[in-house]
Amino acid sequence: MSYDVNKVRASFPSLNTGLAFFCGPGGSQVPDVVGQTISDAITKPISNRNVNTESEKNAEEIVLSFRAAVSDLIDVDPRGVVYGRSWTQLT
Protein backbone atom coordinates (compact mmCIF):
# COMPACT_ATOMS: atom_id res chain seq x y z
CA MET A 1 0.00 0.00 0.00
CA SER A 2 1.39 3.38 -0.91
CA TYR A 3 0.28 6.77 0.32
CA ASP A 4 1.23 10.39 -0.15
CA VAL A 5 3.39 11.28 2.86
CA ASN A 6 3.00 15.01 2.25
CA LYS A 7 -0.79 14.67 2.23
CA VAL A 8 -0.67 12.75 5.51
CA ARG A 9 1.64 15.33 7.10
CA ALA A 10 -0.58 18.17 5.89
CA SER A 11 -3.49 16.74 7.87
CA PHE A 12 -1.56 17.25 11.15
CA PRO A 13 -1.78 21.01 11.93
CA SER A 14 0.82 20.76 14.72
CA LEU A 15 3.47 19.79 12.17
CA ASN A 16 3.17 23.20 10.51
CA THR A 17 5.42 24.61 13.25
CA GLY A 18 8.43 22.84 11.77
CA LEU A 19 9.17 21.12 15.07
CA ALA A 20 9.59 17.38 15.49
CA PHE A 21 7.65 15.61 18.25
CA PHE A 22 9.60 12.53 19.29
CA CYS A 23 8.30 11.80 22.76
CA GLY A 24 4.80 13.28 22.98
CA PRO A 25 2.14 11.15 24.65
CA GLY A 26 -0.28 9.29 22.41
CA GLY A 27 -2.95 11.57 21.02
CA SER A 28 -1.02 14.79 21.51
CA GLN A 29 -0.56 15.24 17.74
CA VAL A 30 -3.73 14.40 15.84
CA PRO A 31 -4.97 14.97 12.29
CA ASP A 32 -7.39 17.84 11.75
CA VAL A 33 -10.32 15.46 11.22
CA VAL A 34 -9.84 14.13 14.78
CA GLY A 35 -9.86 17.63 16.26
CA GLN A 36 -12.98 18.54 14.30
CA THR A 37 -14.76 15.33 15.33
CA ILE A 38 -13.98 15.93 19.01
CA SER A 39 -15.16 19.53 18.69
CA ASP A 40 -18.39 18.39 17.06
CA ALA A 41 -18.99 15.85 19.83
CA ILE A 42 -18.48 18.24 22.73
CA THR A 43 -20.33 21.23 21.30
CA LYS A 44 -23.67 19.55 20.66
CA PRO A 45 -26.09 18.23 23.27
CA ILE A 46 -24.69 15.05 24.83
CA SER A 47 -25.44 13.02 27.93
CA ASN A 48 -25.50 9.39 29.00
CA ARG A 49 -26.24 6.92 26.23
CA ASN A 50 -29.86 6.06 25.51
CA VAL A 51 -32.40 6.65 22.73
CA ASN A 52 -35.03 8.95 24.23
CA THR A 53 -33.66 12.51 24.11
CA GLU A 54 -31.52 14.25 21.52
CA SER A 55 -28.53 14.33 23.88
CA GLU A 56 -28.87 10.60 24.64
CA LYS A 57 -29.13 9.79 20.93
CA ASN A 58 -26.03 11.89 20.20
CA ALA A 59 -24.05 9.95 22.81
CA GLU A 60 -25.28 6.62 21.45
CA GLU A 61 -24.40 7.64 17.88
CA ILE A 62 -20.87 8.63 18.90
CA VAL A 63 -20.25 5.24 20.53
CA LEU A 64 -21.75 3.28 17.63
CA SER A 65 -19.82 5.32 15.06
CA PHE A 66 -16.58 4.78 16.97
CA ARG A 67 -17.17 1.03 17.13
CA ALA A 68 -18.01 0.88 13.42
CA ALA A 69 -14.87 2.81 12.46
CA VAL A 70 -12.57 0.67 14.61
CA SER A 71 -14.19 -2.55 13.43
CA ASP A 72 -13.69 -1.45 9.83
CA LEU A 73 -10.06 -0.54 10.52
CA ILE A 74 -9.12 -3.86 12.15
CA ASP A 75 -11.79 -6.07 10.51
CA VAL A 76 -13.66 -7.23 13.61
CA ASP A 77 -17.27 -7.32 14.75
CA PRO A 78 -18.20 -3.84 16.09
CA ARG A 79 -19.95 -5.46 19.05
CA GLY A 80 -16.51 -6.59 20.25
CA VAL A 81 -14.99 -3.09 20.24
CA VAL A 82 -14.65 -1.57 23.72
CA TYR A 83 -13.32 1.89 24.52
CA GLY A 84 -11.98 3.06 27.85
CA ARG A 85 -10.12 6.09 29.15
CA SER A 86 -6.98 4.02 29.72
CA TRP A 87 -5.68 0.47 29.76
CA THR A 88 -5.62 0.68 33.56
CA GLN A 89 -9.32 1.51 33.64
CA LEU A 90 -10.16 -1.37 31.32
CA THR A 91 -8.25 -3.97 33.32
PDB file of N, CA and C in Angstrom:
ATOM      1  N   MET A   1       0.842  -1.174   0.000  1.00  0.00           N
ATOM      2  CA  MET A   1       0.000   0.000   0.000  1.00  0.00           C
ATOM      3  C   MET A   1       0.890   1.240   0.000  1.00  0.00           C
ATOM      4  N   SER A   2       0.619   2.143  -0.904  1.00  0.00           N
ATOM      5  CA  SER A   2       1.389   3.384  -0.913  1.00  0.00           C
ATOM      6  C   SER A   2       0.467   4.549  -0.567  1.00  0.00           C
ATOM      7  N   TYR A   3       1.058   5.579  -0.028  1.00  0.00           N
ATOM      8  CA  TYR A   3       0.284   6.771   0.316  1.00  0.00           C
ATOM      9  C   TYR A   3       1.166   7.988   0.179  1.00  0.00           C
ATOM     10  N   ASP A   4       0.541   9.121   0.026  1.00  0.00           N
ATOM     11  CA  ASP A   4       1.227  10.393  -0.152  1.00  0.00           C
ATOM     12  C   ASP A   4       1.619  10.942   1.221  1.00  0.00           C
ATOM     13  N   VAL A   5       2.896  10.843   1.559  1.00  0.00           N
ATOM     14  CA  VAL A   5       3.386  11.275   2.865  1.00  0.00           C
ATOM     15  C   VAL A   5       3.097  12.759   3.096  1.00  0.00           C
ATOM     16  N   ASN A   6       3.262  13.574   2.079  1.00  0.00           N
ATOM     17  CA  ASN A   6       3.003  15.008   2.246  1.00  0.00           C
ATOM     18  C   ASN A   6       1.532  15.277   2.550  1.00  0.00           C
ATOM     19  N   LYS A   7       0.647  14.513   1.949  1.00  0.00           N
ATOM     20  CA  LYS A   7      -0.787  14.666   2.230  1.00  0.00           C
ATOM     21  C   LYS A   7      -1.086  14.268   3.674  1.00  0.00           C
ATOM     22  N   VAL A   8      -0.478  13.183   4.129  1.00  0.00           N
ATOM     23  CA  VAL A   8      -0.675  12.748   5.514  1.00  0.00           C
ATOM     24  C   VAL A   8      -0.147  13.816   6.467  1.00  0.00           C
ATOM     25  N   ARG A   9       1.054  14.299   6.232  1.00  0.00           N
ATOM     26  CA  ARG A   9       1.641  15.331   7.098  1.00  0.00           C
ATOM     27  C   ARG A   9       0.794  16.598   7.116  1.00  0.00           C
ATOM     28  N   ALA A  10       0.236  16.951   5.979  1.00  0.00           N
ATOM     29  CA  ALA A  10      -0.576  18.170   5.891  1.00  0.00           C
ATOM     30  C   ALA A  10      -1.833  18.087   6.745  1.00  0.00           C
ATOM     31  N   SER A  11      -2.275  16.883   7.062  1.00  0.00           N
ATOM     32  CA  SER A  11      -3.490  16.739   7.873  1.00  0.00           C
ATOM     33  C   SER A  11      -3.210  16.882   9.372  1.00  0.00           C
ATOM     34  N   PHE A  12      -1.944  17.050   9.752  1.00  0.00           N
ATOM     35  CA  PHE A  12      -1.556  17.252  11.153  1.00  0.00           C
ATOM     36  C   PHE A  12      -1.155  18.716  11.345  1.00  0.00           C
ATOM     37  N   PRO A  13      -2.078  19.580  11.796  1.00  0.00           N
ATOM     38  CA  PRO A  13      -1.779  21.006  11.934  1.00  0.00           C
ATOM     39  C   PRO A  13      -0.556  21.302  12.805  1.00  0.00           C
ATOM     40  N   SER A  14      -0.308  20.500  13.816  1.00  0.00           N
ATOM     41  CA  SER A  14       0.824  20.762  14.716  1.00  0.00           C
ATOM     42  C   SER A  14       2.167  20.646  14.001  1.00  0.00           C
ATOM     43  N   LEU A  15       2.212  19.937  12.890  1.00  0.00           N
ATOM     44  CA  LEU A  15       3.472  19.790  12.166  1.00  0.00           C
ATOM     45  C   LEU A  15       3.826  21.040  11.367  1.00  0.00           C
ATOM     46  N   ASN A  16       2.899  21.961  11.242  1.00  0.00           N
ATOM     47  CA  ASN A  16       3.171  23.205  10.511  1.00  0.00           C
ATOM     48  C   ASN A  16       4.166  24.103  11.229  1.00  0.00           C
ATOM     49  N   THR A  17       4.460  23.802  12.484  1.00  0.00           N
ATOM     50  CA  THR A  17       5.420  24.612  13.247  1.00  0.00           C
ATOM     51  C   THR A  17       6.855  24.340  12.821  1.00  0.00           C
ATOM     52  N   GLY A  18       7.080  23.212  12.159  1.00  0.00           N
ATOM     53  CA  GLY A  18       8.427  22.843  11.766  1.00  0.00           C
ATOM     54  C   GLY A  18       9.176  22.076  12.835  1.00  0.00           C
ATOM     55  N   LEU A  19       8.546  21.876  13.986  1.00  0.00           N
ATOM     56  CA  LEU A  19       9.174  21.121  15.070  1.00  0.00           C
ATOM     57  C   LEU A  19       8.902  19.632  14.914  1.00  0.00           C
ATOM     58  N   ALA A  20       9.792  18.823  15.463  1.00  0.00           N
ATOM     59  CA  ALA A  20       9.592  17.378  15.494  1.00  0.00           C
ATOM     60  C   ALA A  20       9.133  16.982  16.892  1.00  0.00           C
ATOM     61  N   PHE A  21       8.187  16.082  16.973  1.00  0.00           N
ATOM     62  CA  PHE A  21       7.651  15.614  18.250  1.00  0.00           C
ATOM     63  C   PHE A  21       8.027  14.145  18.414  1.00  0.00           C
ATOM     64  N   PHE A  22       9.104  13.893  19.157  1.00  0.00           N
ATOM     65  CA  PHE A  22       9.603  12.531  19.286  1.00  0.00           C
ATOM     66  C   PHE A  22       9.081  11.794  20.507  1.00  0.00           C
ATOM     67  N   CYS A  23       8.679  12.506  21.540  1.00  0.00           N
ATOM     68  CA  CYS A  23       8.298  11.797  22.761  1.00  0.00           C
ATOM     69  C   CYS A  23       6.969  12.287  23.338  1.00  0.00           C
ATOM     70  N   GLY A  24       6.104  12.830  22.500  1.00  0.00           N
ATOM     71  CA  GLY A  24       4.800  13.281  22.983  1.00  0.00           C
ATOM     72  C   GLY A  24       3.919  12.091  23.316  1.00  0.00           C
ATOM     73  N   PRO A  25       3.047  12.238  24.311  1.00  0.00           N
ATOM     74  CA  PRO A  25       2.142  11.150  24.646  1.00  0.00           C
ATOM     75  C   PRO A  25       1.171  10.881  23.498  1.00  0.00           C
ATOM     76  N   GLY A  26       0.673   9.668  23.451  1.00  0.00           N
ATOM     77  CA  GLY A  26      -0.278   9.294  22.411  1.00  0.00           C
ATOM     78  C   GLY A  26      -1.457  10.246  22.365  1.00  0.00           C
ATOM     79  N   GLY A  27      -1.816  10.677  21.177  1.00  0.00           N
ATOM     80  CA  GLY A  27      -2.946  11.568  21.021  1.00  0.00           C
ATOM     81  C   GLY A  27      -2.623  13.038  21.126  1.00  0.00           C
ATOM     82  N   SER A  28      -1.351  13.373  21.377  1.00  0.00           N
ATOM     83  CA  SER A  28      -1.021  14.790  21.505  1.00  0.00           C
ATOM     84  C   SER A  28      -0.887  15.466  20.143  1.00  0.00           C
ATOM     85  N   GLN A  29      -0.611  14.720  19.107  1.00  0.00           N
ATOM     86  CA  GLN A  29      -0.559  15.244  17.743  1.00  0.00           C
ATOM     87  C   GLN A  29      -1.590  14.456  16.938  1.00  0.00           C
ATOM     88  N   VAL A  30      -2.654  15.110  16.543  1.00  0.00           N
ATOM     89  CA  VAL A  30      -3.727  14.403  15.837  1.00  0.00           C
ATOM     90  C   VAL A  30      -4.033  15.099  14.518  1.00  0.00           C
ATOM     91  N   PRO A  31      -4.567  14.345  13.545  1.00  0.00           N
ATOM     92  CA  PRO A  31      -4.972  14.971  12.291  1.00  0.00           C
ATOM     93  C   PRO A  31      -6.168  15.899  12.504  1.00  0.00           C
ATOM     94  N   ASP A  32      -6.320  16.855  11.601  1.00  0.00           N
ATOM     95  CA  ASP A  32      -7.390  17.837  11.755  1.00  0.00           C
ATOM     96  C   ASP A  32      -8.776  17.213  11.843  1.00  0.00           C
ATOM     97  N   VAL A  33      -9.001  16.100  11.165  1.00  0.00           N
ATOM     98  CA  VAL A  33     -10.320  15.457  11.221  1.00  0.00           C
ATOM     99  C   VAL A  33     -10.638  14.975  12.637  1.00  0.00           C
ATOM    100  N   VAL A  34      -9.627  14.566  13.391  1.00  0.00           N
ATOM    101  CA  VAL A  34      -9.844  14.133  14.778  1.00  0.00           C
ATOM    102  C   VAL A  34     -10.239  15.324  15.640  1.00  0.00           C
ATOM    103  N   GLY A  35      -9.520  16.428  15.502  1.00  0.00           N
ATOM    104  CA  GLY A  35      -9.859  17.630  16.262  1.00  0.00           C
ATOM    105  C   GLY A  35     -11.264  18.116  15.958  1.00  0.00           C
ATOM    106  N   GLN A  36     -11.644  18.088  14.685  1.00  0.00           N
ATOM    107  CA  GLN A  36     -12.983  18.535  14.303  1.00  0.00           C
ATOM    108  C   GLN A  36     -14.052  17.594  14.846  1.00  0.00           C
ATOM    109  N   THR A  37     -13.790  16.302  14.816  1.00  0.00           N
ATOM    110  CA  THR A  37     -14.755  15.327  15.329  1.00  0.00           C
ATOM    111  C   THR A  37     -14.955  15.491  16.827  1.00  0.00           C
ATOM    112  N   ILE A  38     -13.865  15.699  17.558  1.00  0.00           N
ATOM    113  CA  ILE A  38     -13.975  15.928  19.006  1.00  0.00           C
ATOM    114  C   ILE A  38     -14.750  17.213  19.269  1.00  0.00           C
ATOM    115  N   SER A  39     -14.439  18.263  18.525  1.00  0.00           N
ATOM    116  CA  SER A  39     -15.157  19.527  18.688  1.00  0.00           C
ATOM    117  C   SER A  39     -16.650  19.350  18.429  1.00  0.00           C
ATOM    118  N   ASP A  40     -16.984  18.642  17.375  1.00  0.00           N
ATOM    119  CA  ASP A  40     -18.395  18.387  17.065  1.00  0.00           C
ATOM    120  C   ASP A  40     -19.083  17.652  18.205  1.00  0.00           C
ATOM    121  N   ALA A  41     -18.389  16.670  18.773  1.00  0.00           N
ATOM    122  CA  ALA A  41     -18.986  15.850  19.835  1.00  0.00           C
ATOM    123  C   ALA A  41     -19.244  16.648  21.105  1.00  0.00           C
ATOM    124  N   ILE A  42     -18.340  17.551  21.443  1.00  0.00           N
ATOM    125  CA  ILE A  42     -18.484  18.241  22.733  1.00  0.00           C
ATOM    126  C   ILE A  42     -19.192  19.587  22.638  1.00  0.00           C
ATOM    127  N   THR A  43     -19.601  19.971  21.431  1.00  0.00           N
ATOM    128  CA  THR A  43     -20.326  21.233  21.304  1.00  0.00           C
ATOM    129  C   THR A  43     -21.794  21.037  20.943  1.00  0.00           C
ATOM    130  N   LYS A  44     -22.239  19.800  20.865  1.00  0.00           N
ATOM    131  CA  LYS A  44     -23.667  19.548  20.662  1.00  0.00           C
ATOM    132  C   LYS A  44     -24.215  18.876  21.914  1.00  0.00           C
ATOM    133  N   PRO A  45     -25.523  18.851  22.064  1.00  0.00           N
ATOM    134  CA  PRO A  45     -26.092  18.227  23.266  1.00  0.00           C
ATOM    135  C   PRO A  45     -25.628  16.775  23.403  1.00  0.00           C
ATOM    136  N   ILE A  46     -25.148  16.418  24.586  1.00  0.00           N
ATOM    137  CA  ILE A  46     -24.688  15.053  24.834  1.00  0.00           C
ATOM    138  C   ILE A  46     -24.907  14.712  26.302  1.00  0.00           C
ATOM    139  N   SER A  47     -25.215  13.479  26.555  1.00  0.00           N
ATOM    140  CA  SER A  47     -25.445  13.015  27.928  1.00  0.00           C
ATOM    141  C   SER A  47     -25.103  11.537  27.995  1.00  0.00           C
ATOM    142  N   ASN A  48     -25.672  10.839  28.939  1.00  0.00           N
ATOM    143  CA  ASN A  48     -25.496   9.394  29.000  1.00  0.00           C
ATOM    144  C   ASN A  48     -26.191   8.751  27.807  1.00  0.00           C
ATOM    145  N   ARG A  49     -25.693   7.606  27.391  1.00  0.00           N
ATOM    146  CA  ARG A  49     -26.240   6.918  26.225  1.00  0.00           C
ATOM    147  C   ARG A  49     -27.644   6.388  26.491  1.00  0.00           C
ATOM    148  N   ASN A  50     -28.520   6.622  25.528  1.00  0.00           N
ATOM    149  CA  ASN A  50     -29.863   6.058  25.506  1.00  0.00           C
ATOM    150  C   ASN A  50     -30.479   6.484  24.184  1.00  0.00           C
ATOM    151  N   VAL A  51     -31.769   6.326  24.015  1.00  0.00           N
ATOM    152  CA  VAL A  51     -32.396   6.647  22.732  1.00  0.00           C
ATOM    153  C   VAL A  51     -33.649   7.505  22.877  1.00  0.00           C
ATOM    154  N   ASN A  52     -33.812   8.166  24.004  1.00  0.00           N
ATOM    155  CA  ASN A  52     -35.025   8.948  24.226  1.00  0.00           C
ATOM    156  C   ASN A  52     -34.865  10.421  23.862  1.00  0.00           C
ATOM    157  N   THR A  53     -33.855  11.081  24.366  1.00  0.00           N
ATOM    158  CA  THR A  53     -33.664  12.507  24.111  1.00  0.00           C
ATOM    159  C   THR A  53     -32.591  12.717  23.053  1.00  0.00           C
ATOM    160  N   GLU A  54     -32.538  13.935  22.522  1.00  0.00           N
ATOM    161  CA  GLU A  54     -31.520  14.253  21.518  1.00  0.00           C
ATOM    162  C   GLU A  54     -30.112  14.037  22.068  1.00  0.00           C
ATOM    163  N   SER A  55     -29.875  14.473  23.303  1.00  0.00           N
ATOM    164  CA  SER A  55     -28.532  14.333  23.879  1.00  0.00           C
ATOM    165  C   SER A  55     -28.167  12.866  24.090  1.00  0.00           C
ATOM    166  N   GLU A  56     -29.130  12.043  24.481  1.00  0.00           N
ATOM    167  CA  GLU A  56     -28.873  10.603  24.638  1.00  0.00           C
ATOM    168  C   GLU A  56     -28.581   9.962  23.286  1.00  0.00           C
ATOM    169  N   LYS A  57     -29.341  10.340  22.280  1.00  0.00           N
ATOM    170  CA  LYS A  57     -29.134   9.792  20.931  1.00  0.00           C
ATOM    171  C   LYS A  57     -27.771  10.196  20.381  1.00  0.00           C
ATOM    172  N   ASN A  58     -27.357  11.443  20.647  1.00  0.00           N
ATOM    173  CA  ASN A  58     -26.029  11.888  20.203  1.00  0.00           C
ATOM    174  C   ASN A  58     -24.927  11.040  20.833  1.00  0.00           C
ATOM    175  N   ALA A  59     -25.045  10.779  22.125  1.00  0.00           N
ATOM    176  CA  ALA A  59     -24.046   9.953  22.814  1.00  0.00           C
ATOM    177  C   ALA A  59     -24.027   8.541  22.239  1.00  0.00           C
ATOM    178  N   GLU A  60     -25.192   7.980  22.012  1.00  0.00           N
ATOM    179  CA  GLU A  60     -25.285   6.624  21.445  1.00  0.00           C
ATOM    180  C   GLU A  60     -24.662   6.585  20.055  1.00  0.00           C
ATOM    181  N   GLU A  61     -24.942   7.585  19.238  1.00  0.00           N
ATOM    182  CA  GLU A  61     -24.402   7.640  17.883  1.00  0.00           C
ATOM    183  C   GLU A  61     -22.879   7.743  17.888  1.00  0.00           C
ATOM    184  N   ILE A  62     -22.325   8.509  18.808  1.00  0.00           N
ATOM    185  CA  ILE A  62     -20.868   8.632  18.904  1.00  0.00           C
ATOM    186  C   ILE A  62     -20.238   7.276  19.200  1.00  0.00           C
ATOM    187  N   VAL A  63     -20.800   6.556  20.160  1.00  0.00           N
ATOM    188  CA  VAL A  63     -20.251   5.244  20.529  1.00  0.00           C
ATOM    189  C   VAL A  63     -20.383   4.268  19.364  1.00  0.00           C
ATOM    190  N   LEU A  64     -21.547   4.217  18.737  1.00  0.00           N
ATOM    191  CA  LEU A  64     -21.750   3.277  17.633  1.00  0.00           C
ATOM    192  C   LEU A  64     -20.870   3.619  16.435  1.00  0.00           C
ATOM    193  N   SER A  65     -20.690   4.906  16.163  1.00  0.00           N
ATOM    194  CA  SER A  65     -19.818   5.320  15.059  1.00  0.00           C
ATOM    195  C   SER A  65     -18.367   4.952  15.332  1.00  0.00           C
ATOM    196  N   PHE A  66     -17.936   5.157  16.576  1.00  0.00           N
ATOM    197  CA  PHE A  66     -16.578   4.776  16.966  1.00  0.00           C
ATOM    198  C   PHE A  66     -16.367   3.278  16.761  1.00  0.00           C
ATOM    199  N   ARG A  67     -17.303   2.483  17.267  1.00  0.00           N
ATOM    200  CA  ARG A  67     -17.174   1.026  17.135  1.00  0.00           C
ATOM    201  C   ARG A  67     -17.150   0.598  15.673  1.00  0.00           C
ATOM    202  N   ALA A  68     -17.977   1.216  14.845  1.00  0.00           N
ATOM    203  CA  ALA A  68     -18.006   0.877  13.424  1.00  0.00           C
ATOM    204  C   ALA A  68     -16.683   1.229  12.748  1.00  0.00           C
ATOM    205  N   ALA A  69     -16.135   2.396  13.076  1.00  0.00           N
ATOM    206  CA  ALA A  69     -14.871   2.813  12.464  1.00  0.00           C
ATOM    207  C   ALA A  69     -13.724   1.895  12.863  1.00  0.00           C
ATOM    208  N   VAL A  70     -13.640   1.557  14.144  1.00  0.00           N
ATOM    209  CA  VAL A  70     -12.571   0.666  14.609  1.00  0.00           C
ATOM    210  C   VAL A  70     -12.748  -0.726  14.015  1.00  0.00           C
ATOM    211  N   SER A  71     -13.971  -1.208  13.974  1.00  0.00           N
ATOM    212  CA  SER A  71     -14.194  -2.551  13.431  1.00  0.00           C
ATOM    213  C   SER A  71     -13.822  -2.604  11.956  1.00  0.00           C
ATOM    214  N   ASP A  72     -14.077  -1.520  11.235  1.00  0.00           N
ATOM    215  CA  ASP A  72     -13.686  -1.448   9.833  1.00  0.00           C
ATOM    216  C   ASP A  72     -12.166  -1.416   9.694  1.00  0.00           C
ATOM    217  N   LEU A  73     -11.511  -0.674  10.572  1.00  0.00           N
ATOM    218  CA  LEU A  73     -10.056  -0.542  10.524  1.00  0.00           C
ATOM    219  C   LEU A  73      -9.350  -1.870  10.781  1.00  0.00           C
ATOM    220  N   ILE A  74      -9.820  -2.627  11.774  1.00  0.00           N
ATOM    221  CA  ILE A  74      -9.119  -3.863  12.145  1.00  0.00           C
ATOM    222  C   ILE A  74      -9.904  -5.127  11.794  1.00  0.00           C
ATOM    223  N   ASP A  75     -10.998  -4.961  11.034  1.00  0.00           N
ATOM    224  CA  ASP A  75     -11.786  -6.075  10.508  1.00  0.00           C
ATOM    225  C   ASP A  75     -12.290  -7.017  11.603  1.00  0.00           C
ATOM    226  N   VAL A  76     -13.035  -6.441  12.541  1.00  0.00           N
ATOM    227  CA  VAL A  76     -13.656  -7.231  13.605  1.00  0.00           C
ATOM    228  C   VAL A  76     -15.128  -6.837  13.724  1.00  0.00           C
ATOM    229  N   ASP A  77     -15.867  -7.613  14.478  1.00  0.00           N
ATOM    230  CA  ASP A  77     -17.268  -7.320  14.750  1.00  0.00           C
ATOM    231  C   ASP A  77     -17.346  -6.078  15.643  1.00  0.00           C
ATOM    232  N   PRO A  78     -18.126  -5.055  15.271  1.00  0.00           N
ATOM    233  CA  PRO A  78     -18.199  -3.839  16.090  1.00  0.00           C
ATOM    234  C   PRO A  78     -18.718  -4.083  17.501  1.00  0.00           C
ATOM    235  N   ARG A  79     -19.455  -5.155  17.705  1.00  0.00           N
ATOM    236  CA  ARG A  79     -19.949  -5.460  19.052  1.00  0.00           C
ATOM    237  C   ARG A  79     -18.818  -5.865  19.991  1.00  0.00           C
ATOM    238  N   GLY A  80     -17.654  -6.209  19.438  1.00  0.00           N
ATOM    239  CA  GLY A  80     -16.512  -6.588  20.253  1.00  0.00           C
ATOM    240  C   GLY A  80     -15.551  -5.445  20.536  1.00  0.00           C
ATOM    241  N   VAL A  81     -15.855  -4.251  20.030  1.00  0.00           N
ATOM    242  CA  VAL A  81     -14.990  -3.091  20.237  1.00  0.00           C
ATOM    243  C   VAL A  81     -15.388  -2.395  21.535  1.00  0.00           C
ATOM    244  N   VAL A  82     -14.412  -2.227  22.428  1.00  0.00           N
ATOM    245  CA  VAL A  82     -14.649  -1.574  23.717  1.00  0.00           C
ATOM    246  C   VAL A  82     -13.672  -0.414  23.839  1.00  0.00           C
ATOM    247  N   TYR A  83     -14.162   0.715  24.331  1.00  0.00           N
ATOM    248  CA  TYR A  83     -13.321   1.888  24.516  1.00  0.00           C
ATOM    249  C   TYR A  83     -13.291   2.243  25.992  1.00  0.00           C
ATOM    250  N   GLY A  84     -12.119   2.609  26.470  1.00  0.00           N
ATOM    251  CA  GLY A  84     -11.977   3.059  27.851  1.00  0.00           C
ATOM    252  C   GLY A  84     -11.011   4.218  27.908  1.00  0.00           C
ATOM    253  N   ARG A  85     -11.010   4.926  29.012  1.00  0.00           N
ATOM    254  CA  ARG A  85     -10.118   6.086  29.146  1.00  0.00           C
ATOM    255  C   ARG A  85      -8.658   5.684  29.162  1.00  0.00           C
ATOM    256  N   SER A  86      -8.364   4.480  29.651  1.00  0.00           N
ATOM    257  CA  SER A  86      -6.981   4.023  29.718  1.00  0.00           C
ATOM    258  C   SER A  86      -6.968   2.503  29.863  1.00  0.00           C
ATOM    259  N   TRP A  87      -5.810   1.909  29.596  1.00  0.00           N
ATOM    260  CA  TRP A  87      -5.683   0.467  29.764  1.00  0.00           C
ATOM    261  C   TRP A  87      -5.902   0.094  31.227  1.00  0.00           C
ATOM    262  N   THR A  88      -5.433   0.925  32.131  1.00  0.00           N
ATOM    263  CA  THR A  88      -5.621   0.677  33.560  1.00  0.00           C
ATOM    264  C   THR A  88      -7.104   0.607  33.900  1.00  0.00           C
ATOM    265  N   GLN A  89      -7.883   1.520  33.369  1.00  0.00           N
ATOM    266  CA  GLN A  89      -9.317   1.514  33.638  1.00  0.00           C
ATOM    267  C   GLN A  89      -9.981   0.246  33.095  1.00  0.00           C
ATOM    268  N   LEU A  90      -9.530  -0.211  31.947  1.00  0.00           N
ATOM    269  CA  LEU A  90     -10.156  -1.374  31.318  1.00  0.00           C
ATOM    270  C   LEU A  90      -9.802  -2.685  32.009  1.00  0.00           C
ATOM    271  N   THR A  91      -8.660  -2.718  32.681  1.00  0.00           N
ATOM    272  CA  THR A  91      -8.253  -3.966  33.319  1.00  0.00           C
ATOM    273  C   THR A  91      -8.462  -3.826  34.768  1.00  0.00           C
TER     274      THR A  91
END
